[in-house]
Amino acid sequence: MVEANQNFHQAVWRASHNESLVDLLGRLNLHLARYPGTTLGSPGRWEAARVEHRQILEAIERRDGDEAHRIAMAHFREARDIRLALFAREASFSR
């Protein structure tokens, strides 16, 4: 799951043909990789992420940047919310 997810994201980054963006996102990804666990382990997240990835790809193929942006932002918000819940749960266990 993690490898497929990373491969999808990196393919979209490379397709942007924006080397500065690819570099920035690659470095951000390195920082995120040091956190334990993955949001993809959250119940239903892998299935939802696969649907979102497909929808993003379809919007890109249609050259519908607004729709790709809307779906991507919802995708990132969901991952962020899951990650924050993981952090909160981890913090409560370490007390």
PDB file of N, CA and C in Angstrom:
ATOM      1  N   MET A   1       0.827  -1.195   0.000  1.00  0.00           N
ATOM      2  CA  MET A   1       0.000   0.000   0.000  1.00  0.00           C
ATOM      3  C   MET A   1       0.866   1.252   0.000  1.00  0.00           C
ATOM      4  N   VAL A   2       1.832   1.277   0.911  1.00  0.00           N
ATOM      5  CA  VAL A   2       2.671   2.468   1.045  1.00  0.00           C
ATOM      6  C   VAL A   2       3.455   2.710  -0.239  1.00  0.00           C
ATOM      7  N   GLU A   3       4.029   1.656  -0.799  1.00  0.00           N
ATOM      8  CA  GLU A   3       4.818   1.812  -2.025  1.00  0.00           C
ATOM      9  C   GLU A   3       3.943   2.267  -3.193  1.00  0.00           C
ATOM     10  N   ALA A   4       2.775   1.671  -3.349  1.00  0.00           N
ATOM     11  CA  ALA A   4       1.864   2.065  -4.434  1.00  0.00           C
ATOM     12  C   ALA A   4       1.437   3.521  -4.259  1.00  0.00           C
ATOM     13  N   ASN A   5       1.159   3.915  -3.026  1.00  0.00           N
ATOM     14  CA  ASN A   5       0.764   5.289  -2.743  1.00  0.00           C
ATOM     15  C   ASN A   5       1.887   6.257  -3.105  1.00  0.00           C
ATOM     16  N   GLN A   6       3.101   5.939  -2.666  1.00  0.00           N
ATOM     17  CA  GLN A   6       4.245   6.805  -2.978  1.00  0.00           C
ATOM     18  C   GLN A   6       4.487   6.876  -4.483  1.00  0.00           C
ATOM     19  N   ASN A   7       4.379   5.744  -5.160  1.00  0.00           N
ATOM     20  CA  ASN A   7       4.583   5.727  -6.610  1.00  0.00           C
ATOM     21  C   ASN A   7       3.581   6.624  -7.324  1.00  0.00           C
ATOM     22  N   PHE A   8       2.331   6.587  -6.890  1.00  0.00           N
ATOM     23  CA  PHE A   8       1.313   7.443  -7.513  1.00  0.00           C
ATOM     24  C   PHE A   8       1.658   8.905  -7.308  1.00  0.00           C
ATOM     25  N   HIS A   9       1.928   9.275  -6.079  1.00  0.00           N
ATOM     26  CA  HIS A   9       2.218  10.677  -5.780  1.00  0.00           C
ATOM     27  C   HIS A   9       3.450  11.166  -6.543  1.00  0.00           C
ATOM     28  N   GLN A  10       4.500  10.359  -6.564  1.00  0.00           N
ATOM     29  CA  GLN A  10       5.720  10.768  -7.267  1.00  0.00           C
ATOM     30  C   GLN A  10       5.500  10.878  -8.771  1.00  0.00           C
ATOM     31  N   ALA A  11       4.658  10.026  -9.327  1.00  0.00           N
ATOM     32  CA  ALA A  11       4.356  10.108 -10.762  1.00  0.00           C
ATOM     33  C   ALA A  11       3.628  11.416 -11.077  1.00  0.00           C
ATOM     34  N   VAL A  12       2.709  11.801 -10.215  1.00  0.00           N
ATOM     35  CA  VAL A  12       1.995  13.074 -10.425  1.00  0.00           C
ATOM     36  C   VAL A  12       2.974  14.239 -10.297  1.00  0.00           C
ATOM     37  N   TRP A  13       3.858  14.175  -9.296  1.00  0.00           N
ATOM     38  CA  TRP A  13       4.851  15.243  -9.132  1.00  0.00           C
ATOM     39  C   TRP A  13       5.697  15.375 -10.395  1.00  0.00           C
ATOM     40  N   ARG A  14       6.224  14.244 -10.881  1.00  0.00           N
ATOM     41  CA  ARG A  14       7.091  14.277 -12.067  1.00  0.00           C
ATOM     42  C   ARG A  14       6.339  14.777 -13.295  1.00  0.00           C
ATOM     43  N   ALA A  15       5.068  14.431 -13.394  1.00  0.00           N
ATOM     44  CA  ALA A  15       4.261  14.859 -14.537  1.00  0.00           C
ATOM     45  C   ALA A  15       4.070  16.373 -14.566  1.00  0.00           C
ATOM     46  N   SER A  16       4.306  17.026 -13.436  1.00  0.00           N
ATOM     47  CA  SER A  16       4.188  18.488 -13.397  1.00  0.00           C
ATOM     48  C   SER A  16       5.315  19.157 -14.183  1.00  0.00           C
ATOM     49  N   HIS A  17       6.411  18.430 -14.393  1.00  0.00           N
ATOM     50  CA  HIS A  17       7.600  18.974 -15.070  1.00  0.00           C
ATOM     51  C   HIS A  17       8.119  20.221 -14.357  1.00  0.00           C
ATOM     52  N   ASN A  18       7.923  20.263 -13.050  1.00  0.00           N
ATOM     53  CA  ASN A  18       8.381  21.387 -12.240  1.00  0.00           C
ATOM     54  C   ASN A  18       9.414  20.843 -11.260  1.00  0.00           C
ATOM     55  N   GLU A  19      10.685  20.967 -11.625  1.00  0.00           N
ATOM     56  CA  GLU A  19      11.756  20.372 -10.820  1.00  0.00           C
ATOM     57  C   GLU A  19      11.809  20.941  -9.403  1.00  0.00           C
ATOM     58  N   SER A  20      11.514  22.221  -9.247  1.00  0.00           N
ATOM     59  CA  SER A  20      11.512  22.815  -7.904  1.00  0.00           C
ATOM     60  C   SER A  20      10.429  22.185  -7.040  1.00  0.00           C
ATOM     61  N   LEU A  21       9.267  21.982  -7.620  1.00  0.00           N
ATOM     62  CA  LEU A  21       8.167  21.351  -6.888  1.00  0.00           C
ATOM     63  C   LEU A  21       8.506  19.909  -6.532  1.00  0.00           C
ATOM     64  N   VAL A  22       9.054  19.169  -7.497  1.00  0.00           N
ATOM     65  CA  VAL A  22       9.431  17.773  -7.251  1.00  0.00           C
ATOM     66  C   VAL A  22      10.451  17.701  -6.123  1.00  0.00           C
ATOM     67  N   ASP A  23      11.444  18.593  -6.144  1.00  0.00           N
ATOM     68  CA  ASP A  23      12.461  18.625  -5.099  1.00  0.00           C
ATOM     69  C   ASP A  23      11.833  18.944  -3.742  1.00  0.00           C
ATOM     70  N   LEU A  24      11.002  19.958  -3.688  1.00  0.00           N
ATOM     71  CA  LEU A  24      10.362  20.367  -2.435  1.00  0.00           C
ATOM     72  C   LEU A  24       9.508  19.242  -1.860  1.00  0.00           C
ATOM     73  N   LEU A  25       8.688  18.630  -2.695  1.00  0.00           N
ATOM     74  CA  LEU A  25       7.821  17.552  -2.221  1.00  0.00           C
ATOM     75  C   LEU A  25       8.631  16.325  -1.809  1.00  0.00           C
ATOM     76  N   GLY A  26       9.717  16.056  -2.511  1.00  0.00           N
ATOM     77  CA  GLY A  26      10.585  14.943  -2.128  1.00  0.00           C
ATOM     78  C   GLY A  26      11.191  15.162  -0.752  1.00  0.00           C
ATOM     79  N   ARG A  27      11.641  16.404  -0.493  1.00  0.00           N
ATOM     80  CA  ARG A  27      12.210  16.700   0.824  1.00  0.00           C
ATOM     81  C   ARG A  27      11.144  16.657   1.908  1.00  0.00           C
ATOM     82  N   LEU A  28       9.952  17.152   1.613  1.00  0.00           N
ATOM     83  CA  LEU A  28       8.850  17.071   2.576  1.00  0.00           C
ATOM     84  C   LEU A  28       8.523  15.615   2.875  1.00  0.00           C
ATOM     85  N   ASN A  29       8.513  14.793   1.854  1.00  0.00           N
ATOM     86  CA  ASN A  29       8.229  13.365   2.020  1.00  0.00           C
ATOM     87  C   ASN A  29       9.261  12.696   2.925  1.00  0.00           C
ATOM     88  N   LEU A  30      10.526  13.101   2.814  1.00  0.00           N
ATOM     89  CA  LEU A  30      11.563  12.560   3.694  1.00  0.00           C
ATOM     90  C   LEU A  30      11.272  12.880   5.159  1.00  0.00           C
ATOM     91  N   HIS A  31      10.795  14.081   5.418  1.00  0.00           N
ATOM     92  CA  HIS A  31      10.464  14.466   6.795  1.00  0.00           C
ATOM     93  C   HIS A  31       9.253  13.683   7.310  1.00  0.00           C
ATOM     94  N   LEU A  32       8.266  13.504   6.463  1.00  0.00           N
ATOM     95  CA  LEU A  32       7.069  12.775   6.885  1.00  0.00           C
ATOM     96  C   LEU A  32       7.374  11.297   7.123  1.00  0.00           C
ATOM     97  N   ALA A  33       8.352  10.754   6.412  1.00  0.00           N
ATOM     98  CA  ALA A  33       8.681   9.331   6.528  1.00  0.00           C
ATOM     99  C   ALA A  33       9.223   8.968   7.904  1.00  0.00           C
ATOM    100  N   ARG A  34       9.700   9.943   8.648  1.00  0.00           N
ATOM    101  CA  ARG A  34      10.254   9.612   9.967  1.00  0.00           C
ATOM    102  C   ARG A  34       9.176   9.399  11.022  1.00  0.00           C
ATOM    103  N   TYR A  35       7.928   9.729  10.695  1.00  0.00           N
ATOM    104  CA  TYR A  35       6.838   9.493  11.634  1.00  0.00           C
ATOM    105  C   TYR A  35       6.370   8.049  11.504  1.00  0.00           C
ATOM    106  N   PRO A  36       6.098   7.414  12.626  1.00  0.00           N
ATOM    107  CA  PRO A  36       5.702   5.997  12.565  1.00  0.00           C
ATOM    108  C   PRO A  36       4.305   5.829  11.984  1.00  0.00           C
ATOM    109  N   GLY A  37       4.097   4.669  11.444  1.00  0.00           N
ATOM    110  CA  GLY A  37       2.766   4.317  10.955  1.00  0.00           C
ATOM    111  C   GLY A  37       2.427   4.999   9.648  1.00  0.00           C
ATOM    112  N   THR A  38       1.278   4.671   9.143  1.00  0.00           N
ATOM    113  CA  THR A  38       0.792   5.247   7.900  1.00  0.00           C
ATOM    114  C   THR A  38      -0.693   5.506   8.035  1.00  0.00           C
ATOM    115  N   THR A  39      -1.152   6.547   7.393  1.00  0.00           N
ATOM    116  CA  THR A  39      -2.587   6.839   7.400  1.00  0.00           C
ATOM    117  C   THR A  39      -3.357   5.771   6.636  1.00  0.00           C
ATOM    118  N   LEU A  40      -2.652   5.027   5.778  1.00  0.00           N
ATOM    119  CA  LEU A  40      -3.312   4.009   4.965  1.00  0.00           C
ATOM    120  C   LEU A  40      -3.802   2.832   5.792  1.00  0.00           C
ATOM    121  N   GLY A  41      -3.335   2.706   7.028  1.00  0.00           N
ATOM    122  CA  GLY A  41      -3.797   1.640   7.905  1.00  0.00           C
ATOM    123  C   GLY A  41      -5.113   1.956   8.591  1.00  0.00           C
ATOM    124  N   SER A  42      -5.550   3.199   8.480  1.00  0.00           N
ATOM    125  CA  SER A  42      -6.825   3.589   9.079  1.00  0.00           C
ATOM    126  C   SER A  42      -7.954   2.878   8.336  1.00  0.00           C
ATOM    127  N   PRO A  43      -8.950   2.369   9.055  1.00  0.00           N
ATOM    128  CA  PRO A  43     -10.020   1.610   8.401  1.00  0.00           C
ATOM    129  C   PRO A  43     -10.648   2.365   7.224  1.00  0.00           C
ATOM    130  N   GLY A  44     -10.616   1.728   6.070  1.00  0.00           N
ATOM    131  CA  GLY A  44     -11.235   2.279   4.866  1.00  0.00           C
ATOM    132  C   GLY A  44     -10.379   3.289   4.112  1.00  0.00           C
ATOM    133  N   ARG A  45      -9.247   3.696   4.698  1.00  0.00           N
ATOM    134  CA  ARG A  45      -8.456   4.752   4.059  1.00  0.00           C
ATOM    135  C   ARG A  45      -7.820   4.294   2.756  1.00  0.00           C
ATOM    136  N   TRP A  46      -7.281   3.076   2.707  1.00  0.00           N
ATOM    137  CA  TRP A  46      -6.627   2.617   1.483  1.00  0.00           C
ATOM    138  C   TRP A  46      -7.622   2.581   0.326  1.00  0.00           C
ATOM    139  N   GLU A  47      -8.806   2.070   0.587  1.00  0.00           N
ATOM    140  CA  GLU A  47      -9.824   2.011  -0.459  1.00  0.00           C
ATOM    141  C   GLU A  47     -10.218   3.417  -0.906  1.00  0.00           C
ATOM    142  N   ALA A  48     -10.403   4.323   0.052  1.00  0.00           N
ATOM    143  CA  ALA A  48     -10.771   5.698  -0.279  1.00  0.00           C
ATOM    144  C   ALA A  48      -9.649   6.385  -1.058  1.00  0.00           C
ATOM    145  N   ALA A  49      -8.405   6.165  -0.645  1.00  0.00           N
ATOM    146  CA  ALA A  49      -7.268   6.788  -1.323  1.00  0.00           C
ATOM    147  C   ALA A  49      -7.170   6.298  -2.768  1.00  0.00           C
ATOM    148  N   ARG A  50      -7.417   5.032  -2.984  1.00  0.00           N
ATOM    149  CA  ARG A  50      -7.366   4.495  -4.353  1.00  0.00           C
ATOM    150  C   ARG A  50      -8.427   5.149  -5.230  1.00  0.00           C
ATOM    151  N   VAL A  51      -9.619   5.347  -4.690  1.00  0.00           N
ATOM    152  CA  VAL A  51     -10.685   6.026  -5.440  1.00  0.00           C
ATOM    153  C   VAL A  51     -10.274   7.472  -5.720  1.00  0.00           C
ATOM    154  N   GLU A  52      -9.747   8.145  -4.705  1.00  0.00           N
ATOM    155  CA  GLU A  52      -9.320   9.538  -4.879  1.00  0.00           C
ATOM    156  C   GLU A  52      -8.199   9.636  -5.909  1.00  0.00           C
ATOM    157  N   HIS A  53      -7.246   8.716  -5.858  1.00  0.00           N
ATOM    158  CA  HIS A  53      -6.157   8.719  -6.845  1.00  0.00           C
ATOM    159  C   HIS A  53      -6.722   8.573  -8.263  1.00  0.00           C
ATOM    160  N   ARG A  54      -7.643   7.642  -8.427  1.00  0.00           N
ATOM    161  CA  ARG A  54      -8.252   7.435  -9.748  1.00  0.00           C
ATOM    162  C   ARG A  54      -8.967   8.704 -10.204  1.00  0.00           C
ATOM    163  N   GLN A  55      -9.710   9.347  -9.294  1.00  0.00           N
ATOM    164  CA  GLN A  55     -10.430  10.569  -9.647  1.00  0.00           C
ATOM    165  C   GLN A  55      -9.473  11.707 -10.006  1.00  0.00           C
ATOM    166  N   ILE A  56      -8.371  11.813  -9.274  1.00  0.00           N
ATOM    167  CA  ILE A  56      -7.369  12.840  -9.581  1.00  0.00           C
ATOM    168  C   ILE A  56      -6.789  12.586 -10.973  1.00  0.00           C
ATOM    169  N   LEU A  57      -6.419  11.352 -11.239  1.00  0.00           N
ATOM    170  CA  LEU A  57      -5.855  10.999 -12.538  1.00  0.00           C
ATOM    171  C   LEU A  57      -6.842  11.286 -13.668  1.00  0.00           C
ATOM    172  N   GLU A  58      -8.090  10.931 -13.464  1.00  0.00           N
ATOM    173  CA  GLU A  58      -9.105  11.189 -14.497  1.00  0.00           C
ATOM    174  C   GLU A  58      -9.266  12.691 -14.744  1.00  0.00           C
ATOM    175  N   ALA A  59      -9.246  13.486 -13.686  1.00  0.00           N
ATOM    176  CA  ALA A  59      -9.354  14.943 -13.851  1.00  0.00           C
ATOM    177  C   ALA A  59      -8.143  15.492 -14.596  1.00  0.00           C
ATOM    178  N   ILE A  60      -6.954  14.982 -14.275  1.00  0.00           N
ATOM    179  CA  ILE A  60      -5.741  15.412 -14.981  1.00  0.00           C
ATOM    180  C   ILE A  60      -5.846  15.037 -16.457  1.00  0.00           C
ATOM    181  N   GLU A  61      -6.289  13.827 -16.732  1.00  0.00           N
ATOM    182  CA  GLU A  61      -6.420  13.385 -18.127  1.00  0.00           C
ATOM    183  C   GLU A  61      -7.411  14.255 -18.895  1.00  0.00           C
ATOM    184  N   ARG A  62      -8.447  14.745 -18.221  1.00  0.00           N
ATOM    185  CA  ARG A  62      -9.430  15.648 -18.846  1.00  0.00           C
ATOM    186  C   ARG A  62      -8.920  17.087 -18.903  1.00  0.00           C
ATOM    187  N   ARG A  63      -7.752  17.306 -18.295  1.00  0.00           N
ATOM    188  CA  ARG A  63      -7.165  18.655 -18.181  1.00  0.00           C
ATOM    189  C   ARG A  63      -8.073  19.589 -17.395  1.00  0.00           C
ATOM    190  N   ASP A  64      -8.733  19.014 -16.393  1.00  0.00           N
ATOM    191  CA  ASP A  64      -9.612  19.780 -15.509  1.00  0.00           C
ATOM    192  C   ASP A  64      -8.857  20.070 -14.212  1.00  0.00           C
ATOM    193  N   GLY A  65      -8.040  21.111 -14.252  1.00  0.00           N
ATOM    194  CA  GLY A  65      -7.205  21.461 -13.112  1.00  0.00           C
ATOM    195  C   GLY A  65      -8.000  21.808 -11.871  1.00  0.00           C
ATOM    196  N   ASP A  66      -9.125  22.464 -12.053  1.00  0.00           N
ATOM    197  CA  ASP A  66      -9.946  22.834 -10.886  1.00  0.00           C
ATOM    198  C   ASP A  66     -10.469  21.598 -10.164  1.00  0.00           C
ATOM    199  N   GLU A  67     -10.924  20.619 -10.932  1.00  0.00           N
ATOM    200  CA  GLU A  67     -11.443  19.385 -10.323  1.00  0.00           C
ATOM    201  C   GLU A  67     -10.309  18.577  -9.693  1.00  0.00           C
ATOM    202  N   ALA A  68      -9.178  18.484 -10.379  1.00  0.00           N
ATOM    203  CA  ALA A  68      -8.031  17.768  -9.810  1.00  0.00           C
ATOM    204  C   ALA A  68      -7.619  18.427  -8.499  1.00  0.00           C
ATOM    205  N   HIS A  69      -7.603  19.740  -8.470  1.00  0.00           N
ATOM    206  CA  HIS A  69      -7.250  20.481  -7.249  1.00  0.00           C
ATOM    207  C   HIS A  69      -8.247  20.202  -6.132  1.00  0.00           C
ATOM    208  N   ARG A  70      -9.527  20.246  -6.451  1.00  0.00           N
ATOM    209  CA  ARG A  70     -10.563  20.014  -5.434  1.00  0.00           C
ATOM    210  C   ARG A  70     -10.416  18.621  -4.824  1.00  0.00           C
ATOM    211  N   ILE A  71     -10.237  17.619  -5.665  1.00  0.00           N
ATOM    212  CA  ILE A  71     -10.112  16.247  -5.170  1.00  0.00           C
ATOM    213  C   ILE A  71      -8.819  16.080  -4.378  1.00  0.00           C
ATOM    214  N   ALA A  72      -7.730  16.639  -4.888  1.00  0.00           N
ATOM    215  CA  ALA A  72      -6.442  16.525  -4.198  1.00  0.00           C
ATOM    216  C   ALA A  72      -6.497  17.186  -2.824  1.00  0.00           C
ATOM    217  N   MET A  73      -7.132  18.330  -2.723  1.00  0.00           N
ATOM    218  CA  MET A  73      -7.222  19.013  -1.431  1.00  0.00           C
ATOM    219  C   MET A  73      -8.045  18.186  -0.436  1.00  0.00           C
ATOM    220  N   ALA A  74      -9.122  17.592  -0.885  1.00  0.00           N
ATOM    221  CA  ALA A  74      -9.911  16.721  -0.004  1.00  0.00           C
ATOM    222  C   ALA A  74      -9.077  15.510   0.410  1.00  0.00           C
ATOM    223  N   HIS A  75      -8.311  14.971  -0.520  1.00  0.00           N
ATOM    224  CA  HIS A  75      -7.423  13.828  -0.261  1.00  0.00           C
ATOM    225  C   HIS A  75      -6.401  14.197   0.812  1.00  0.00           C
ATOM    226  N   PHE A  76      -5.770  15.356   0.675  1.00  0.00           N
ATOM    227  CA  PHE A  76      -4.761  15.795   1.644  1.00  0.00           C
ATOM    228  C   PHE A  76      -5.383  16.107   3.005  1.00  0.00           C
ATOM    229  N   ARG A  77      -6.557  16.725   3.013  1.00  0.00           N
ATOM    230  CA  ARG A  77      -7.222  17.033   4.291  1.00  0.00           C
ATOM    231  C   ARG A  77      -7.542  15.763   5.063  1.00  0.00           C
ATOM    232  N   GLU A  78      -8.042  14.757   4.360  1.00  0.00           N
ATOM    233  CA  GLU A  78      -8.376  13.492   5.021  1.00  0.00           C
ATOM    234  C   GLU A  78      -7.127  12.847   5.600  1.00  0.00           C
ATOM    235  N   ALA A  79      -6.044  12.811   4.815  1.00  0.00           N
ATOM    236  CA  ALA A  79      -4.781  12.240   5.306  1.00  0.00           C
ATOM    237  C   ALA A  79      -4.267  13.039   6.500  1.00  0.00           C
ATOM    238  N   ARG A  80      -4.364  14.356   6.433  1.00  0.00           N
ATOM    239  CA  ARG A  80      -3.931  15.207   7.551  1.00  0.00           C
ATOM    240  C   ARG A  80      -4.730  14.902   8.810  1.00  0.00           C
ATOM    241  N   ASP A  81      -6.035  14.797   8.660  1.00  0.00           N
ATOM    242  CA  ASP A  81      -6.886  14.544   9.827  1.00  0.00           C
ATOM    243  C   ASP A  81      -6.567  13.185  10.458  1.00  0.00           C
ATOM    244  N   ILE A  82      -6.330  12.189   9.623  1.00  0.00           N
ATOM    245  CA  ILE A  82      -5.963  10.870  10.145  1.00  0.00           C
ATOM    246  C   ILE A  82      -4.613  10.952  10.842  1.00  0.00           C
ATOM    247  N   ARG A  83      -3.650  11.634  10.227  1.00  0.00           N
ATOM    248  CA  ARG A  83      -2.316  11.774  10.824  1.00  0.00           C
ATOM    249  C   ARG A  83      -2.408  12.479  12.177  1.00  0.00           C
ATOM    250  N   LEU A  84      -3.202  13.529  12.283  1.00  0.00           N
ATOM    251  CA  LEU A  84      -3.360  14.234  13.561  1.00  0.00           C
ATOM    252  C   LEU A  84      -3.986  13.335  14.616  1.00  0.00           C
ATOM    253  N   ALA A  85      -4.939  12.515  14.213  1.00  0.00           N
ATOM    254  CA  ALA A  85      -5.544  11.568  15.157  1.00  0.00           C
ATOM    255  C   ALA A  85      -4.514  10.543  15.620  1.00  0.00           C
ATOM    256  N   LEU A  86      -3.649  10.098  14.710  1.00  0.00           N
ATOM    257  CA  LEU A  86      -2.576   9.169  15.096  1.00  0.00           C
ATOM    258  C   LEU A  86      -1.632   9.822  16.098  1.00  0.00           C
ATOM    259  N   PHE A  87      -1.267  11.079  15.856  1.00  0.00           N
ATOM    260  CA  PHE A  87      -0.398  11.808  16.781  1.00  0.00           C
ATOM    261  C   PHE A  87      -1.061  11.939  18.152  1.00  0.00           C
ATOM    262  N   ALA A  88      -2.342  12.278  18.162  1.00  0.00           N
ATOM    263  CA  ALA A  88      -3.057  12.453  19.422  1.00  0.00           C
ATOM    264  C   ALA A  88      -3.120  11.134  20.192  1.00  0.00           C
ATOM    265  N   ARG A  89      -3.381  10.058  19.484  1.00  0.00           N
ATOM    266  CA  ARG A  89      -3.448   8.746  20.133  1.00  0.00           C
ATOM    267  C   ARG A  89      -2.074   8.360  20.699  1.00  0.00           C
ATOM    268  N   GLU A  90      -1.029   8.619  19.925  1.00  0.00           N
ATOM    269  CA  GLU A  90       0.330   8.322  20.374  1.00  0.00           C
ATOM    270  C   GLU A  90       0.684   9.145  21.602  1.00  0.00           C
ATOM    271  N   ALA A  91       0.286  10.409  21.626  1.00  0.00           N
ATOM    272  CA  ALA A  91       0.576  11.290  22.764  1.00  0.00           C
ATOM    273  C   ALA A  91      -0.165  10.815  24.020  1.00  0.00           C
ATOM    274  N   SER A  92      -1.374  10.322  23.842  1.00  0.00           N
ATOM    275  CA  SER A  92      -2.127   9.864  25.020  1.00  0.00           C
ATOM    276  C   SER A  92      -1.535   8.575  25.585  1.00  0.00           C
ATOM    277  N   PHE A  93      -0.930   7.737  24.737  1.00  0.00           N
ATOM    278  CA  PHE A  93      -0.300   6.516  25.212  1.00  0.00           C
ATOM    279  C   PHE A  93       1.005   6.794  25.941  1.00  0.00           C
ATOM    280  N   SER A  94       1.687   7.862  25.567  1.00  0.00           N
ATOM    281  CA  SER A  94       2.996   8.150  26.160  1.00  0.00           C
ATOM    282  C   SER A  94       2.889   8.910  27.478  1.00  0.00           C
ATOM    283  N   ARG A  95       1.704   9.211  27.914  1.00  0.00           N
ATOM    284  CA  ARG A  95       1.524   9.949  29.177  1.00  0.00           C
ATOM    285  C   ARG A  95       1.579   9.036  30.358  1.00  0.00           C
TER     286      ARG A  95
END
